[in-house]
Amino acid sequence: MLTILHRHYPTAYSLEQNYPNPFNPSTKINFSIPESGFVTMKIYNSIGEEIGTLLNEDKSAGTYEVDFVAEGLTSGIYFYSITTGNFTQTKKMILLK
């Protein structure tokens, strides 16, 4: 689920650390984009295999929150990555069951 947090226009791209972290079974991921564009957010396991896509669509400039529910996944380290325009960033999260 994607939630718009703020309608202000951020001045820089950012990908925040998920909260809570470690998590079980769900966590929230916040990001900001300063201009409209196509946004992709994917989840990867610890060996780099893609395990899911949280977002793959056009978004207006703003700050957003994405919910990630890790049903069916085992405990471990996972990565989430955002790509939009010329910006790409990846962060680590820990699932503890």
C-alpha atoms as a PDB file:
ATOM      1  CA  MET A   1       0.000   0.000   0.000  1.00  0.00           C
ATOM      2  CA  LEU A   2       1.323   3.435  -0.956  1.00  0.00           C
ATOM      3  CA  THR A   3       0.504   6.490   1.151  1.00  0.00           C
ATOM      4  CA  ILE A   4       1.247  10.110   0.263  1.00  0.00           C
ATOM      5  CA  LEU A   5       2.786  11.652   3.374  1.00  0.00           C
ATOM      6  CA  HIS A   6       3.328  15.241   2.238  1.00  0.00           C
ATOM      7  CA  ARG A   7       2.255  17.284  -0.724  1.00  0.00           C
ATOM      8  CA  HIS A   8       5.241  19.622  -0.351  1.00  0.00           C
ATOM      9  CA  TYR A   9       7.937  19.339  -2.954  1.00  0.00           C
ATOM     10  CA  PRO A  10      11.197  17.941  -1.580  1.00  0.00           C
ATOM     11  CA  THR A  11      14.412  19.460  -2.904  1.00  0.00           C
ATOM     12  CA  ALA A  12      16.327  16.167  -3.131  1.00  0.00           C
ATOM     13  CA  TYR A  13      15.791  12.462  -3.689  1.00  0.00           C
ATOM     14  CA  SER A  14      15.883  10.348  -0.549  1.00  0.00           C
ATOM     15  CA  LEU A  15      15.262   6.782   0.542  1.00  0.00           C
ATOM     16  CA  GLU A  16      14.815   6.409   4.293  1.00  0.00           C
ATOM     17  CA  GLN A  17      15.657   3.433   6.495  1.00  0.00           C
ATOM     18  CA  ASN A  18      12.637   1.178   6.930  1.00  0.00           C
ATOM     19  CA  TYR A  19      10.822   1.283  10.275  1.00  0.00           C
ATOM     20  CA  PRO A  20      10.737  -0.810  12.329  1.00  0.00           C
ATOM     21  CA  ASN A  21      13.976  -2.579  11.579  1.00  0.00           C
ATOM     22  CA  PRO A  22      14.276  -5.458  12.428  1.00  0.00           C
ATOM     23  CA  PHE A  23      10.650  -6.166  11.563  1.00  0.00           C
ATOM     24  CA  ASN A  24       8.063  -8.971  11.661  1.00  0.00           C
ATOM     25  CA  PRO A  25       6.025  -9.268   9.497  1.00  0.00           C
ATOM     26  CA  SER A  26       5.575  -5.718   8.155  1.00  0.00           C
ATOM     27  CA  THR A  27       7.582  -2.521   7.845  1.00  0.00           C
ATOM     28  CA  LYS A  28       7.245   0.937   6.318  1.00  0.00           C
ATOM     29  CA  ILE A  29       9.605   2.491   3.776  1.00  0.00           C
ATOM     30  CA  ASN A  30       9.562   6.262   3.166  1.00  0.00           C
ATOM     31  CA  PHE A  31      11.002   8.026   0.143  1.00  0.00           C
ATOM     32  CA  SER A  32      10.952  11.490  -1.405  1.00  0.00           C
ATOM     33  CA  ILE A  33      11.218  12.582  -5.025  1.00  0.00           C
ATOM     34  CA  PRO A  34      11.677  16.248  -6.014  1.00  0.00           C
ATOM     35  CA  GLU A  35      10.137  15.861  -9.466  1.00  0.00           C
ATOM     36  CA  SER A  36       7.524  13.713 -11.149  1.00  0.00           C
ATOM     37  CA  GLY A  37       8.739  10.547 -12.806  1.00  0.00           C
ATOM     38  CA  PHE A  38       8.586   6.785 -13.090  1.00  0.00           C
ATOM     39  CA  VAL A  39       9.478   5.104  -9.783  1.00  0.00           C
ATOM     40  CA  THR A  40      10.448   1.473  -9.230  1.00  0.00           C
ATOM     41  CA  MET A  41      10.974  -0.075  -5.798  1.00  0.00           C
ATOM     42  CA  LYS A  42      12.088  -3.703  -5.550  1.00  0.00           C
ATOM     43  CA  ILE A  43      12.958  -6.155  -2.791  1.00  0.00           C
ATOM     44  CA  TYR A  44      15.966  -8.510  -3.017  1.00  0.00           C
ATOM     45  CA  ASN A  45      17.188 -11.378  -0.863  1.00  0.00           C
ATOM     46  CA  SER A  46      20.689 -11.568   0.589  1.00  0.00           C
ATOM     47  CA  ILE A  47      22.152 -13.120  -2.576  1.00  0.00           C
ATOM     48  CA  GLY A  48      20.684 -10.461  -4.854  1.00  0.00           C
ATOM     49  CA  GLU A  49      17.690 -12.338  -6.239  1.00  0.00           C
ATOM     50  CA  GLU A  50      14.657 -10.141  -6.854  1.00  0.00           C
ATOM     51  CA  ILE A  51      11.771 -11.341  -4.681  1.00  0.00           C
ATOM     52  CA  GLY A  52       9.201  -8.631  -5.283  1.00  0.00           C
ATOM     53  CA  THR A  53       8.209  -5.255  -6.696  1.00  0.00           C
ATOM     54  CA  LEU A  54       6.558  -2.778  -4.338  1.00  0.00           C
ATOM     55  CA  LEU A  55       6.181   0.074  -6.806  1.00  0.00           C
ATOM     56  CA  ASN A  56       6.421   0.406 -10.579  1.00  0.00           C
ATOM     57  CA  GLU A  57       4.542   3.503 -11.719  1.00  0.00           C
ATOM     58  CA  ASP A  58       4.579   7.246 -12.402  1.00  0.00           C
ATOM     59  CA  LYS A  59       4.575   9.398  -9.273  1.00  0.00           C
ATOM     60  CA  SER A  60       4.252  13.140  -8.701  1.00  0.00           C
ATOM     61  CA  ALA A  61       6.884  14.991  -6.684  1.00  0.00           C
ATOM     62  CA  GLY A  62       6.363  14.414  -2.969  1.00  0.00           C
ATOM     63  CA  THR A  63       7.075  12.211   0.030  1.00  0.00           C
ATOM     64  CA  TYR A  64       5.601   8.709   0.144  1.00  0.00           C
ATOM     65  CA  GLU A  65       5.320   5.704   2.460  1.00  0.00           C
ATOM     66  CA  VAL A  66       5.192   2.100   1.213  1.00  0.00           C
ATOM     67  CA  ASP A  67       4.109  -0.835   3.387  1.00  0.00           C
ATOM     68  CA  PHE A  68       6.047  -4.077   2.921  1.00  0.00           C
ATOM     69  CA  VAL A  69       4.545  -7.281   4.328  1.00  0.00           C
ATOM     70  CA  ALA A  70       7.011 -10.175   4.333  1.00  0.00           C
ATOM     71  CA  GLU A  71       4.518 -13.040   4.421  1.00  0.00           C
ATOM     72  CA  GLY A  72       6.060 -16.299   3.286  1.00  0.00           C
ATOM     73  CA  LEU A  73       9.648 -15.095   3.671  1.00  0.00           C
ATOM     74  CA  THR A  74      12.179 -16.558   6.078  1.00  0.00           C
ATOM     75  CA  SER A  75      14.160 -14.617   8.658  1.00  0.00           C
ATOM     76  CA  GLY A  76      17.193 -12.898   7.214  1.00  0.00           C
ATOM     77  CA  ILE A  77      18.669  -9.850   5.557  1.00  0.00           C
ATOM     78  CA  TYR A  78      16.821  -8.285   2.640  1.00  0.00           C
ATOM     79  CA  PHE A  79      17.484  -5.224   0.516  1.00  0.00           C
ATOM     80  CA  TYR A  80      15.117  -2.641  -0.930  1.00  0.00           C
ATOM     81  CA  SER A  81      16.063  -0.451  -3.849  1.00  0.00           C
ATOM     82  CA  ILE A  82      14.464   2.587  -5.467  1.00  0.00           C
ATOM     83  CA  THR A  83      15.142   3.795  -9.003  1.00  0.00           C
ATOM     84  CA  THR A  84      13.748   6.980 -10.516  1.00  0.00           C
ATOM     85  CA  GLY A  85      15.250   9.315 -13.094  1.00  0.00           C
ATOM     86  CA  ASN A  86      18.989   9.478 -12.413  1.00  0.00           C
ATOM     87  CA  PHE A  87      18.591   8.346  -8.781  1.00  0.00           C
ATOM     88  CA  THR A  88      19.136   4.827  -7.452  1.00  0.00           C
ATOM     89  CA  GLN A  89      19.646   3.851  -3.826  1.00  0.00           C
ATOM     90  CA  THR A  90      19.568   0.589  -1.879  1.00  0.00           C
ATOM     91  CA  LYS A  91      19.179  -0.059   1.857  1.00  0.00           C
ATOM     92  CA  LYS A  92      19.280  -3.147   4.065  1.00  0.00           C
ATOM     93  CA  MET A  93      16.501  -4.457   6.326  1.00  0.00           C
ATOM     94  CA  ILE A  94      16.252  -7.432   8.673  1.00  0.00           C
ATOM     95  CA  LEU A  95      13.294  -9.779   8.992  1.00  0.00           C
ATOM     96  CA  LEU A  96      13.207 -11.583  12.377  1.00  0.00           C
ATOM     97  CA  LYS A  97      10.528 -14.205  12.920  1.00  0.00           C
END
